[in-house]
């Protein structure tokens, strides 16, 4: 997007992308102990999958396909919360961990709300 374009008031695709980028930065700063390495791999996969599945939902071929992709995004947000909770950050990363947990929780709720609206 160039500087002359105004961003959408609410761009969920961009929000999920920025979440995945923040997770990458967080994982790259984790200490290189065996558990953090494995947890980091899982966290990177689930965080990236949130946005990837949202992109797929935007290009859905049917309403059923859309709902399925949104449900997968919600599931991946839940999984990201799980891996974030298991991660063991250094003292200076604790605030970032809490903020990432908050964002993952908000994304999970947003996708849950979309699923509920689609049921109506």
PDB file of N, CA and C in Angstrom:
ATOM      1  N   UNK A   1       0.850  -1.177   0.000  1.00  0.00           N
ATOM      2  CA  UNK A   1       0.000   0.000   0.000  1.00  0.00           C
ATOM      3  C   UNK A   1       0.892   1.235   0.000  1.00  0.00           C
ATOM      4  N   UNK A   2       0.654   2.168  -0.941  1.00  0.00           N
ATOM      5  CA  UNK A   2       1.473   3.374  -0.932  1.00  0.00           C
ATOM      6  C   UNK A   2       0.897   4.397   0.031  1.00  0.00           C
ATOM      7  N   UNK A   3       1.629   5.458   0.257  1.00  0.00           N
ATOM      8  CA  UNK A   3       1.252   6.433   1.272  1.00  0.00           C
ATOM      9  C   UNK A   3       0.012   7.236   0.915  1.00  0.00           C
ATOM     10  N   UNK A   4      -0.397   7.256  -0.353  1.00  0.00           N
ATOM     11  CA  UNK A   4      -1.583   8.004  -0.743  1.00  0.00           C
ATOM     12  C   UNK A   4      -2.867   7.249  -0.431  1.00  0.00           C
ATOM     13  N   UNK A   5      -2.744   5.936  -0.240  1.00  0.00           N
ATOM     14  CA  UNK A   5      -3.924   5.138   0.077  1.00  0.00           C
ATOM     15  C   UNK A   5      -4.167   5.152   1.582  1.00  0.00           C
ATOM     16  N   UNK A   6      -5.410   5.321   1.945  1.00  0.00           N
ATOM     17  CA  UNK A   6      -5.756   5.249   3.361  1.00  0.00           C
ATOM     18  C   UNK A   6      -6.000   3.791   3.727  1.00  0.00           C
ATOM     19  N   UNK A   7      -5.480   3.353   4.888  1.00  0.00           N
ATOM     20  CA  UNK A   7      -5.753   1.978   5.286  1.00  0.00           C
ATOM     21  C   UNK A   7      -7.226   1.823   5.624  1.00  0.00           C
ATOM     22  N   UNK A   8      -7.722   0.611   5.469  1.00  0.00           N
ATOM     23  CA  UNK A   8      -9.103   0.351   5.847  1.00  0.00           C
ATOM     24  C   UNK A   8      -9.238   0.594   7.345  1.00  0.00           C
ATOM     25  N   UNK A   9     -10.412   1.039   7.762  1.00  0.00           N
ATOM     26  CA  UNK A   9     -10.634   1.290   9.180  1.00  0.00           C
ATOM     27  C   UNK A   9     -10.387   0.020   9.989  1.00  0.00           C
ATOM     28  N   UNK A  10     -10.715  -1.109   9.391  1.00  0.00           N
ATOM     29  CA  UNK A  10     -10.530  -2.369  10.096  1.00  0.00           C
ATOM     30  C   UNK A  10     -10.115  -3.425   9.091  1.00  0.00           C
ATOM     31  N   UNK A  11      -8.846  -3.751   9.060  1.00  0.00           N
ATOM     32  CA  UNK A  11      -8.324  -4.704   8.101  1.00  0.00           C
ATOM     33  C   UNK A  11      -7.825  -5.939   8.847  1.00  0.00           C
ATOM     34  N   UNK A  12      -8.660  -6.952   8.908  1.00  0.00           N
ATOM     35  CA  UNK A  12      -8.335  -8.166   9.649  1.00  0.00           C
ATOM     36  C   UNK A  12      -7.172  -8.913   9.019  1.00  0.00           C
ATOM     37  N   UNK A  13      -7.057  -8.858   7.706  1.00  0.00           N
ATOM     38  CA  UNK A  13      -5.923  -9.489   7.035  1.00  0.00           C
ATOM     39  C   UNK A  13      -4.599  -8.876   7.485  1.00  0.00           C
ATOM     40  N   UNK A  14      -4.544  -7.560   7.526  1.00  0.00           N
ATOM     41  CA  UNK A  14      -3.332  -6.864   7.974  1.00  0.00           C
ATOM     42  C   UNK A  14      -3.073  -7.126   9.460  1.00  0.00           C
ATOM     43  N   UNK A  15      -4.126  -7.159  10.239  1.00  0.00           N
ATOM     44  CA  UNK A  15      -3.974  -7.409  11.678  1.00  0.00           C
ATOM     45  C   UNK A  15      -3.386  -8.800  11.932  1.00  0.00           C
ATOM     46  N   UNK A  16      -3.855  -9.806  11.211  1.00  0.00           N
ATOM     47  CA  UNK A  16      -3.320 -11.152  11.390  1.00  0.00           C
ATOM     48  C   UNK A  16      -1.876 -11.235  10.897  1.00  0.00           C
ATOM     49  N   UNK A  17      -1.559 -10.502   9.842  1.00  0.00           N
ATOM     50  CA  UNK A  17      -0.184 -10.453   9.326  1.00  0.00           C
ATOM     51  C   UNK A  17       0.757  -9.839  10.364  1.00  0.00           C
ATOM     52  N   UNK A  18       0.341  -8.726  10.942  1.00  0.00           N
ATOM     53  CA  UNK A  18       1.175  -8.059  11.943  1.00  0.00           C
ATOM     54  C   UNK A  18       1.342  -8.925  13.195  1.00  0.00           C
ATOM     55  N   UNK A  19       0.307  -9.669  13.554  1.00  0.00           N
ATOM     56  CA  UNK A  19       0.408 -10.589  14.691  1.00  0.00           C
ATOM     57  C   UNK A  19       1.472 -11.645  14.397  1.00  0.00           C
ATOM     58  N   UNK A  20       1.432 -12.227  13.216  1.00  0.00           N
ATOM     59  CA  UNK A  20       2.416 -13.249  12.854  1.00  0.00           C
ATOM     60  C   UNK A  20       3.831 -12.673  12.867  1.00  0.00           C
ATOM     61  N   UNK A  21       4.007 -11.446  12.380  1.00  0.00           N
ATOM     62  CA  UNK A  21       5.331 -10.812  12.395  1.00  0.00           C
ATOM     63  C   UNK A  21       5.814 -10.583  13.822  1.00  0.00           C
ATOM     64  N   UNK A  22       4.922 -10.160  14.700  1.00  0.00           N
ATOM     65  CA  UNK A  22       5.303  -9.955  16.100  1.00  0.00           C
ATOM     66  C   UNK A  22       5.690 -11.273  16.750  1.00  0.00           C
ATOM     67  N   UNK A  23       4.974 -12.328  16.431  1.00  0.00           N
ATOM     68  CA  UNK A  23       5.302 -13.652  16.975  1.00  0.00           C
ATOM     69  C   UNK A  23       6.688 -14.080  16.497  1.00  0.00           C
ATOM     70  N   UNK A  24       6.993 -13.860  15.228  1.00  0.00           N
ATOM     71  CA  UNK A  24       8.325 -14.200  14.714  1.00  0.00           C
ATOM     72  C   UNK A  24       9.420 -13.476  15.496  1.00  0.00           C
ATOM     73  N   UNK A  25       9.230 -12.193  15.730  1.00  0.00           N
ATOM     74  CA  UNK A  25      10.219 -11.415  16.483  1.00  0.00           C
ATOM     75  C   UNK A  25      10.333 -11.936  17.916  1.00  0.00           C
ATOM     76  N   UNK A  26       9.202 -12.257  18.518  1.00  0.00           N
ATOM     77  CA  UNK A  26       9.182 -12.787  19.891  1.00  0.00           C
ATOM     78  C   UNK A  26       9.949 -14.108  19.967  1.00  0.00           C
ATOM     79  N   UNK A  27       9.649 -15.018  19.054  1.00  0.00           N
ATOM     80  CA  UNK A  27      10.293 -16.338  19.049  1.00  0.00           C
ATOM     81  C   UNK A  27      11.798 -16.196  18.809  1.00  0.00           C
ATOM     82  N   UNK A  28      12.188 -15.297  17.914  1.00  0.00           N
ATOM     83  CA  UNK A  28      13.616 -15.106  17.624  1.00  0.00           C
ATOM     84  C   UNK A  28      14.396 -14.606  18.833  1.00  0.00           C
ATOM     85  N   UNK A  29      13.717 -13.997  19.789  1.00  0.00           N
ATOM     86  CA  UNK A  29      14.394 -13.487  20.990  1.00  0.00           C
ATOM     87  C   UNK A  29      14.344 -14.467  22.164  1.00  0.00           C
ATOM     88  N   UNK A  30      13.591 -15.557  22.028  1.00  0.00           N
ATOM     89  CA  UNK A  30      13.537 -16.540  23.108  1.00  0.00           C
ATOM     90  C   UNK A  30      14.904 -17.187  23.291  1.00  0.00           C
ATOM     91  N   UNK A  31      15.219 -17.539  24.532  1.00  0.00           N
ATOM     92  CA  UNK A  31      16.483 -18.240  24.772  1.00  0.00           C
ATOM     93  C   UNK A  31      16.450 -19.577  24.039  1.00  0.00           C
ATOM     94  N   UNK A  32      17.601 -20.045  23.622  1.00  0.00           N
ATOM     95  CA  UNK A  32      17.706 -21.247  22.788  1.00  0.00           C
ATOM     96  C   UNK A  32      17.789 -22.523  23.620  1.00  0.00           C
ATOM     97  N   UNK A  33      16.832 -22.669  24.537  1.00  0.00           N
ATOM     98  CA  UNK A  33      16.744 -23.942  25.255  1.00  0.00           C
ATOM     99  C   UNK A  33      15.842 -24.876  24.445  1.00  0.00           C
ATOM    100  N   UNK A  34      16.009 -26.158  24.646  1.00  0.00           N
ATOM    101  CA  UNK A  34      15.299 -27.152  23.825  1.00  0.00           C
ATOM    102  C   UNK A  34      13.792 -26.907  23.816  1.00  0.00           C
ATOM    103  N   UNK A  35      13.205 -26.654  24.974  1.00  0.00           N
ATOM    104  CA  UNK A  35      11.745 -26.479  25.019  1.00  0.00           C
ATOM    105  C   UNK A  35      11.297 -25.244  24.248  1.00  0.00           C
ATOM    106  N   UNK A  36      12.010 -24.144  24.398  1.00  0.00           N
ATOM    107  CA  UNK A  36      11.634 -22.932  23.656  1.00  0.00           C
ATOM    108  C   UNK A  36      11.786 -23.117  22.152  1.00  0.00           C
ATOM    109  N   UNK A  37      12.773 -23.872  21.735  1.00  0.00           N
ATOM    110  CA  UNK A  37      12.959 -24.114  20.301  1.00  0.00           C
ATOM    111  C   UNK A  37      11.748 -24.856  19.746  1.00  0.00           C
ATOM    112  N   UNK A  38      11.333 -25.906  20.413  1.00  0.00           N
ATOM    113  CA  UNK A  38      10.189 -26.691  19.932  1.00  0.00           C
ATOM    114  C   UNK A  38       8.883 -25.906  20.053  1.00  0.00           C
ATOM    115  N   UNK A  39       8.689 -25.242  21.173  1.00  0.00           N
ATOM    116  CA  UNK A  39       7.485 -24.417  21.363  1.00  0.00           C
ATOM    117  C   UNK A  39       7.462 -23.302  20.315  1.00  0.00           C
ATOM    118  N   UNK A  40       8.625 -22.702  20.058  1.00  0.00           N
ATOM    119  CA  UNK A  40       8.718 -21.631  19.068  1.00  0.00           C
ATOM    120  C   UNK A  40       8.315 -22.094  17.675  1.00  0.00           C
ATOM    121  N   UNK A  41       8.732 -23.285  17.300  1.00  0.00           N
ATOM    122  CA  UNK A  41       8.338 -23.828  15.990  1.00  0.00           C
ATOM    123  C   UNK A  41       6.820 -23.950  15.883  1.00  0.00           C
ATOM    124  N   UNK A  42       6.236 -24.514  16.897  1.00  0.00           N
ATOM    125  CA  UNK A  42       4.779 -24.695  16.898  1.00  0.00           C
ATOM    126  C   UNK A  42       4.058 -23.348  16.892  1.00  0.00           C
ATOM    127  N   UNK A  43       4.565 -22.404  17.685  1.00  0.00           N
ATOM    128  CA  UNK A  43       3.954 -21.086  17.771  1.00  0.00           C
ATOM    129  C   UNK A  43       4.031 -20.352  16.440  1.00  0.00           C
ATOM    130  N   UNK A  44       5.165 -20.411  15.784  1.00  0.00           N
ATOM    131  CA  UNK A  44       5.309 -19.754  14.477  1.00  0.00           C
ATOM    132  C   UNK A  44       4.313 -20.340  13.477  1.00  0.00           C
ATOM    133  N   UNK A  45       4.164 -21.654  13.478  1.00  0.00           N
ATOM    134  CA  UNK A  45       3.218 -22.300  12.551  1.00  0.00           C
ATOM    135  C   UNK A  45       1.779 -21.855  12.818  1.00  0.00           C
ATOM    136  N   UNK A  46       1.372 -21.922  14.081  1.00  0.00           N
ATOM    137  CA  UNK A  46      -0.028 -21.595  14.387  1.00  0.00           C
ATOM    138  C   UNK A  46      -0.318 -20.109  14.164  1.00  0.00           C
ATOM    139  N   UNK A  47       0.611 -19.236  14.553  1.00  0.00           N
ATOM    140  CA  UNK A  47       0.394 -17.790  14.383  1.00  0.00           C
ATOM    141  C   UNK A  47       0.308 -17.422  12.904  1.00  0.00           C
ATOM    142  N   UNK A  48       1.160 -18.010  12.082  1.00  0.00           N
ATOM    143  CA  UNK A  48       1.117 -17.730  10.647  1.00  0.00           C
ATOM    144  C   UNK A  48      -0.124 -18.296   9.987  1.00  0.00           C
ATOM    145  N   UNK A  49      -0.599 -19.392  10.508  1.00  0.00           N
ATOM    146  CA  UNK A  49      -1.769 -20.056   9.935  1.00  0.00           C
ATOM    147  C   UNK A  49      -3.059 -19.263  10.160  1.00  0.00           C
ATOM    148  N   UNK A  50      -3.088 -18.441  11.186  1.00  0.00           N
ATOM    149  CA  UNK A  50      -4.281 -17.618  11.435  1.00  0.00           C
ATOM    150  C   UNK A  50      -4.561 -16.764  10.199  1.00  0.00           C
ATOM    151  N   UNK A  51      -3.564 -15.997   9.794  1.00  0.00           N
ATOM    152  CA  UNK A  51      -3.728 -15.106   8.647  1.00  0.00           C
ATOM    153  C   UNK A  51      -3.843 -15.839   7.325  1.00  0.00           C
ATOM    154  N   UNK A  52      -3.087 -16.921   7.179  1.00  0.00           N
ATOM    155  CA  UNK A  52      -3.141 -17.685   5.933  1.00  0.00           C
ATOM    156  C   UNK A  52      -4.550 -18.225   5.690  1.00  0.00           C
ATOM    157  N   UNK A  53      -5.171 -18.722   6.732  1.00  0.00           N
ATOM    158  CA  UNK A  53      -6.533 -19.231   6.583  1.00  0.00           C
ATOM    159  C   UNK A  53      -7.547 -18.109   6.409  1.00  0.00           C
ATOM    160  N   UNK A  54      -7.278 -16.951   6.992  1.00  0.00           N
ATOM    161  CA  UNK A  54      -8.162 -15.811   6.761  1.00  0.00           C
ATOM    162  C   UNK A  54      -8.107 -15.385   5.289  1.00  0.00           C
ATOM    163  N   UNK A  55      -6.915 -15.381   4.708  1.00  0.00           N
ATOM    164  CA  UNK A  55      -6.777 -15.069   3.274  1.00  0.00           C
ATOM    165  C   UNK A  55      -7.580 -16.064   2.447  1.00  0.00           C
ATOM    166  N   UNK A  56      -7.478 -17.339   2.804  1.00  0.00           N
ATOM    167  CA  UNK A  56      -8.256 -18.377   2.116  1.00  0.00           C
ATOM    168  C   UNK A  56      -9.759 -18.112   2.268  1.00  0.00           C
ATOM    169  N   UNK A  57     -10.177 -17.685   3.454  1.00  0.00           N
ATOM    170  CA  UNK A  57     -11.601 -17.393   3.687  1.00  0.00           C
ATOM    171  C   UNK A  57     -12.078 -16.262   2.783  1.00  0.00           C
ATOM    172  N   UNK A  58     -11.237 -15.244   2.612  1.00  0.00           N
ATOM    173  CA  UNK A  58     -11.609 -14.125   1.744  1.00  0.00           C
ATOM    174  C   UNK A  58     -11.820 -14.570   0.304  1.00  0.00           C
ATOM    175  N   UNK A  59     -11.178 -15.648  -0.089  1.00  0.00           N
ATOM    176  CA  UNK A  59     -11.291 -16.166  -1.456  1.00  0.00           C
ATOM    177  C   UNK A  59     -12.170 -17.418  -1.517  1.00  0.00           C
ATOM    178  N   UNK A  60     -12.961 -17.624  -0.495  1.00  0.00           N
ATOM    179  CA  UNK A  60     -13.786 -18.837  -0.407  1.00  0.00           C
ATOM    180  C   UNK A  60     -14.708 -18.982  -1.609  1.00  0.00           C
ATOM    181  N   UNK A  61     -14.926 -20.227  -1.979  1.00  0.00           N
ATOM    182  CA  UNK A  61     -15.783 -20.531  -3.116  1.00  0.00           C
ATOM    183  C   UNK A  61     -17.250 -20.653  -2.724  1.00  0.00           C
ATOM    184  N   UNK A  62     -17.496 -20.809  -1.435  1.00  0.00           N
ATOM    185  CA  UNK A  62     -18.867 -20.921  -0.945  1.00  0.00           C
ATOM    186  C   UNK A  62     -18.931 -20.422   0.491  1.00  0.00           C
ATOM    187  N   UNK A  63     -20.132 -20.243   0.971  1.00  0.00           N
ATOM    188  CA  UNK A  63     -20.332 -19.825   2.369  1.00  0.00           C
ATOM    189  C   UNK A  63     -19.780 -20.887   3.325  1.00  0.00           C
ATOM    190  N   UNK A  64     -20.017 -22.146   2.987  1.00  0.00           N
ATOM    191  CA  UNK A  64     -19.536 -23.258   3.815  1.00  0.00           C
ATOM    192  C   UNK A  64     -17.999 -23.244   3.888  1.00  0.00           C
ATOM    193  N   UNK A  65     -17.365 -23.020   2.758  1.00  0.00           N
ATOM    194  CA  UNK A  65     -15.902 -22.935   2.695  1.00  0.00           C
ATOM    195  C   UNK A  65     -15.408 -21.754   3.539  1.00  0.00           C
ATOM    196  N   UNK A  66     -16.085 -20.610   3.430  1.00  0.00           N
ATOM    197  CA  UNK A  66     -15.731 -19.425   4.210  1.00  0.00           C
ATOM    198  C   UNK A  66     -15.774 -19.736   5.698  1.00  0.00           C
ATOM    199  N   UNK A  67     -16.872 -20.316   6.150  1.00  0.00           N
ATOM    200  CA  UNK A  67     -17.040 -20.613   7.578  1.00  0.00           C
ATOM    201  C   UNK A  67     -15.968 -21.597   8.045  1.00  0.00           C
ATOM    202  N   UNK A  68     -15.671 -22.602   7.235  1.00  0.00           N
ATOM    203  CA  UNK A  68     -14.654 -23.577   7.615  1.00  0.00           C
ATOM    204  C   UNK A  68     -13.297 -22.897   7.802  1.00  0.00           C
ATOM    205  N   UNK A  69     -12.918 -22.012   6.890  1.00  0.00           N
ATOM    206  CA  UNK A  69     -11.624 -21.317   6.993  1.00  0.00           C
ATOM    207  C   UNK A  69     -11.578 -20.394   8.211  1.00  0.00           C
ATOM    208  N   UNK A  70     -12.683 -19.725   8.490  1.00  0.00           N
ATOM    209  CA  UNK A  70     -12.747 -18.854   9.669  1.00  0.00           C
ATOM    210  C   UNK A  70     -12.626 -19.695  10.937  1.00  0.00           C
ATOM    211  N   UNK A  71     -13.263 -20.853  10.948  1.00  0.00           N
ATOM    212  CA  UNK A  71     -13.138 -21.753  12.102  1.00  0.00           C
ATOM    213  C   UNK A  71     -11.691 -22.212  12.284  1.00  0.00           C
ATOM    214  N   UNK A  72     -11.006 -22.468  11.183  1.00  0.00           N
ATOM    215  CA  UNK A  72      -9.596 -22.871  11.275  1.00  0.00           C
ATOM    216  C   UNK A  72      -8.766 -21.707  11.823  1.00  0.00           C
ATOM    217  N   UNK A  73      -9.041 -20.493  11.384  1.00  0.00           N
ATOM    218  CA  UNK A  73      -8.341 -19.320  11.920  1.00  0.00           C
ATOM    219  C   UNK A  73      -8.557 -19.212  13.421  1.00  0.00           C
ATOM    220  N   UNK A  74      -9.797 -19.433  13.852  1.00  0.00           N
ATOM    221  CA  UNK A  74     -10.097 -19.394  15.292  1.00  0.00           C
ATOM    222  C   UNK A  74      -9.331 -20.491  16.027  1.00  0.00           C
ATOM    223  N   UNK A  75      -9.299 -21.679  15.462  1.00  0.00           N
ATOM    224  CA  UNK A  75      -8.586 -22.801  16.070  1.00  0.00           C
ATOM    225  C   UNK A  75      -7.093 -22.494  16.181  1.00  0.00           C
ATOM    226  N   UNK A  76      -6.525 -21.907  15.155  1.00  0.00           N
ATOM    227  CA  UNK A  76      -5.104 -21.573  15.173  1.00  0.00           C
ATOM    228  C   UNK A  76      -4.804 -20.465  16.185  1.00  0.00           C
ATOM    229  N   UNK A  77      -5.733 -19.539  16.374  1.00  0.00           N
ATOM    230  CA  UNK A  77      -5.558 -18.510  17.403  1.00  0.00           C
ATOM    231  C   UNK A  77      -5.546 -19.155  18.790  1.00  0.00           C
ATOM    232  N   UNK A  78      -6.456 -20.116  19.005  1.00  0.00           N
ATOM    233  CA  UNK A  78      -6.472 -20.848  20.277  1.00  0.00           C
ATOM    234  C   UNK A  78      -5.165 -21.591  20.488  1.00  0.00           C
ATOM    235  N   UNK A  79      -4.663 -22.220  19.430  1.00  0.00           N
ATOM    236  CA  UNK A  79      -3.408 -22.955  19.532  1.00  0.00           C
ATOM    237  C   UNK A  79      -2.246 -22.005  19.822  1.00  0.00           C
ATOM    238  N   UNK A  80      -2.259 -20.832  19.220  1.00  0.00           N
ATOM    239  CA  UNK A  80      -1.218 -19.840  19.485  1.00  0.00           C
ATOM    240  C   UNK A  80      -1.216 -19.439  20.955  1.00  0.00           C
ATOM    241  N   UNK A  81      -2.393 -19.289  21.528  1.00  0.00           N
ATOM    242  CA  UNK A  81      -2.499 -18.971  22.956  1.00  0.00           C
ATOM    243  C   UNK A  81      -1.835 -20.067  23.779  1.00  0.00           C
ATOM    244  N   UNK A  82      -2.112 -21.294  23.437  1.00  0.00           N
ATOM    245  CA  UNK A  82      -1.539 -22.445  24.150  1.00  0.00           C
ATOM    246  C   UNK A  82      -0.012 -22.389  24.128  1.00  0.00           C
ATOM    247  N   UNK A  83       0.575 -22.210  22.918  1.00  0.00           N
ATOM    248  CA  UNK A  83       2.028 -22.202  22.793  1.00  0.00           C
ATOM    249  C   UNK A  83       2.643 -20.972  23.449  1.00  0.00           C
ATOM    250  N   UNK A  84       1.967 -19.842  23.364  1.00  0.00           N
ATOM    251  CA  UNK A  84       2.467 -18.650  24.049  1.00  0.00           C
ATOM    252  C   UNK A  84       2.517 -18.879  25.555  1.00  0.00           C
ATOM    253  N   UNK A  85       1.486 -19.488  26.085  1.00  0.00           N
ATOM    254  CA  UNK A  85       1.446 -19.757  27.523  1.00  0.00           C
ATOM    255  C   UNK A  85       2.584 -20.682  27.955  1.00  0.00           C
ATOM    256  N   UNK A  86       2.956 -21.613  27.085  1.00  0.00           N
ATOM    257  CA  UNK A  86       4.038 -22.547  27.414  1.00  0.00           C
ATOM    258  C   UNK A  86       5.433 -21.941  27.238  1.00  0.00           C
ATOM    259  N   UNK A  87       5.547 -20.890  26.448  1.00  0.00           N
ATOM    260  CA  UNK A  87       6.868 -20.312  26.192  1.00  0.00           C
ATOM    261  C   UNK A  87       7.459 -19.717  27.467  1.00  0.00           C
ATOM    262  N   UNK A  88       8.792 -19.701  27.512  1.00  0.00           N
ATOM    263  CA  UNK A  88       9.515 -19.200  28.687  1.00  0.00           C
ATOM    264  C   UNK A  88      10.398 -18.027  28.273  1.00  0.00           C
ATOM    265  N   UNK A  89       9.817 -16.826  28.239  1.00  0.00           N
ATOM    266  CA  UNK A  89      10.593 -15.665  27.790  1.00  0.00           C
ATOM    267  C   UNK A  89      11.536 -15.146  28.878  1.00  0.00           C
ATOM    268  N   UNK A  90      12.498 -14.368  28.424  1.00  0.00           N
ATOM    269  CA  UNK A  90      13.361 -13.638  29.354  1.00  0.00           C
ATOM    270  C   UNK A  90      12.521 -12.530  29.987  1.00  0.00           C
ATOM    271  N   UNK A  91      13.006 -11.971  31.061  1.00  0.00           N
ATOM    272  CA  UNK A  91      12.280 -10.921  31.807  1.00  0.00           C
ATOM    273  C   UNK A  91      11.811  -9.786  30.895  1.00  0.00           C
ATOM    274  N   UNK A  92      12.681  -9.350  29.976  1.00  0.00           N
ATOM    275  CA  UNK A  92      12.338  -8.204  29.120  1.00  0.00           C
ATOM    276  C   UNK A  92      11.290  -8.546  28.056  1.00  0.00           C
ATOM    277  N   UNK A  93      10.943  -9.818  27.912  1.00  0.00           N
ATOM    278  CA  UNK A  93       9.935 -10.223  26.924  1.00  0.00           C
ATOM    279  C   UNK A  93       8.570 -10.513  27.537  1.00  0.00           C
ATOM    280  N   UNK A  94       8.456 -10.447  28.824  1.00  0.00           N
ATOM    281  CA  UNK A  94       7.194 -10.817  29.483  1.00  0.00           C
ATOM    282  C   UNK A  94       6.045  -9.913  29.038  1.00  0.00           C
ATOM    283  N   UNK A  95       6.306  -8.615  28.917  1.00  0.00           N
ATOM    284  CA  UNK A  95       5.251  -7.684  28.479  1.00  0.00           C
ATOM    285  C   UNK A  95       4.792  -8.033  27.060  1.00  0.00           C
ATOM    286  N   UNK A  96       5.733  -8.342  26.176  1.00  0.00           N
ATOM    287  CA  UNK A  96       5.386  -8.714  24.801  1.00  0.00           C
ATOM    288  C   UNK A  96       4.569 -10.008  24.790  1.00  0.00           C
ATOM    289  N   UNK A  97       4.940 -10.965  25.618  1.00  0.00           N
ATOM    290  CA  UNK A  97       4.182 -12.210  25.710  1.00  0.00           C
ATOM    291  C   UNK A  97       2.738 -11.914  26.114  1.00  0.00           C
ATOM    292  N   UNK A  98       2.554 -11.069  27.114  1.00  0.00           N
ATOM    293  CA  UNK A  98       1.203 -10.721  27.569  1.00  0.00           C
ATOM    294  C   UNK A  98       0.406 -10.021  26.465  1.00  0.00           C
ATOM    295  N   UNK A  99       1.068  -9.121  25.736  1.00  0.00           N
ATOM    296  CA  UNK A  99       0.387  -8.419  24.645  1.00  0.00           C
ATOM    297  C   UNK A  99       0.018  -9.378  23.514  1.00  0.00           C
ATOM    298  N   UNK A 100       0.898 -10.314  23.218  1.00  0.00           N
ATOM    299  CA  UNK A 100       0.602 -11.318  22.181  1.00  0.00           C
ATOM    300  C   UNK A 100      -0.546 -12.220  22.618  1.00  0.00           C
ATOM    301  N   UNK A 101      -0.568 -12.587  23.883  1.00  0.00           N
ATOM    302  CA  UNK A 101      -1.689 -13.384  24.398  1.00  0.00           C
ATOM    303  C   UNK A 101      -3.003 -12.621  24.255  1.00  0.00           C
ATOM    304  N   UNK A 102      -2.967 -11.328  24.563  1.00  0.00           N
ATOM    305  CA  UNK A 102      -4.161 -10.490  24.436  1.00  0.00           C
ATOM    306  C   UNK A 102      -4.623 -10.417  22.982  1.00  0.00           C
ATOM    307  N   UNK A 103      -3.687 -10.211  22.067  1.00  0.00           N
ATOM    308  CA  UNK A 103      -4.045 -10.111  20.652  1.00  0.00           C
ATOM    309  C   UNK A 103      -4.589 -11.441  20.123  1.00  0.00           C
ATOM    310  N   UNK A 104      -3.960 -12.542  20.498  1.00  0.00           N
ATOM    311  CA  UNK A 104      -4.444 -13.857  20.061  1.00  0.00           C
ATOM    312  C   UNK A 104      -5.852 -14.108  20.594  1.00  0.00           C
ATOM    313  N   UNK A 105      -6.101 -13.695  21.825  1.00  0.00           N
ATOM    314  CA  UNK A 105      -7.431 -13.858  22.425  1.00  0.00           C
ATOM    315  C   UNK A 105      -8.458 -13.015  21.676  1.00  0.00           C
ATOM    316  N   UNK A 106      -8.089 -11.792  21.344  1.00  0.00           N
ATOM    317  CA  UNK A 106      -9.003 -10.927  20.594  1.00  0.00           C
ATOM    318  C   UNK A 106      -9.286 -11.506  19.211  1.00  0.00           C
ATOM    319  N   UNK A 107      -8.248 -11.997  18.545  1.00  0.00           N
ATOM    320  CA  UNK A 107      -8.457 -12.609  17.229  1.00  0.00           C
ATOM    321  C   UNK A 107      -9.373 -13.820  17.330  1.00  0.00           C
ATOM    322  N   UNK A 108      -9.161 -14.641  18.343  1.00  0.00           N
ATOM    323  CA  UNK A 108     -10.008 -15.818  18.550  1.00  0.00           C
ATOM    324  C   UNK A 108     -11.475 -15.394  18.717  1.00  0.00           C
ATOM    325  N   UNK A 109     -11.707 -14.354  19.494  1.00  0.00           N
ATOM    326  CA  UNK A 109     -13.073 -13.865  19.719  1.00  0.00           C
ATOM    327  C   UNK A 109     -13.676 -13.271  18.447  1.00  0.00           C
ATOM    328  N   UNK A 110     -12.873 -12.552  17.681  1.00  0.00           N
ATOM    329  CA  UNK A 110     -13.364 -11.976  16.424  1.00  0.00           C
ATOM    330  C   UNK A 110     -13.797 -13.084  15.477  1.00  0.00           C
ATOM    331  N   UNK A 111     -12.950 -14.100  15.321  1.00  0.00           N
ATOM    332  CA  UNK A 111     -13.305 -15.202  14.420  1.00  0.00           C
ATOM    333  C   UNK A 111     -14.509 -15.974  14.945  1.00  0.00           C
ATOM    334  N   UNK A 112     -14.606 -16.119  16.254  1.00  0.00           N
ATOM    335  CA  UNK A 112     -15.779 -16.770  16.846  1.00  0.00           C
ATOM    336  C   UNK A 112     -17.051 -15.986  16.557  1.00  0.00           C
ATOM    337  N   UNK A 113     -16.955 -14.681  16.635  1.00  0.00           N
ATOM    338  CA  UNK A 113     -18.098 -13.819  16.343  1.00  0.00           C
ATOM    339  C   UNK A 113     -18.517 -13.924  14.878  1.00  0.00           C
ATOM    340  N   UNK A 114     -17.544 -13.996  13.986  1.00  0.00           N
ATOM    341  CA  UNK A 114     -17.851 -14.150  12.559  1.00  0.00           C
ATOM    342  C   UNK A 114     -18.591 -15.465  12.327  1.00  0.00           C
ATOM    343  N   UNK A 115     -18.122 -16.530  12.962  1.00  0.00           N
ATOM    344  CA  UNK A 115     -18.781 -17.838  12.821  1.00  0.00           C
ATOM    345  C   UNK A 115     -20.219 -17.747  13.305  1.00  0.00           C
ATOM    346  N   UNK A 116     -20.421 -17.118  14.454  1.00  0.00           N
ATOM    347  CA  UNK A 116     -21.784 -16.994  15.002  1.00  0.00           C
ATOM    348  C   UNK A 116     -22.687 -16.203  14.067  1.00  0.00           C
ATOM    349  N   UNK A 117     -22.186 -15.113  13.495  1.00  0.00           N
ATOM    350  CA  UNK A 117     -22.977 -14.296  12.566  1.00  0.00           C
ATOM    351  C   UNK A 117     -23.340 -15.082  11.311  1.00  0.00           C
ATOM    352  N   UNK A 118     -22.455 -15.967  10.894  1.00  0.00           N
ATOM    353  CA  UNK A 118     -22.721 -16.769   9.703  1.00  0.00           C
ATOM    354  C   UNK A 118     -23.810 -17.815   9.952  1.00  0.00           C
ATOM    355  N   UNK A 119     -24.032 -18.182  11.193  1.00  0.00           N
ATOM    356  CA  UNK A 119     -25.056 -19.156  11.532  1.00  0.00           C
ATOM    357  C   UNK A 119     -26.453 -18.560  11.383  1.00  0.00           C
ATOM    358  N   UNK A 120     -26.546 -17.240  11.483  1.00  0.00           N
ATOM    359  CA  UNK A 120     -27.856 -16.572  11.448  1.00  0.00           C
ATOM    360  C   UNK A 120     -28.356 -16.399  10.053  1.00  0.00           C
TER     361      UNK A 120
END
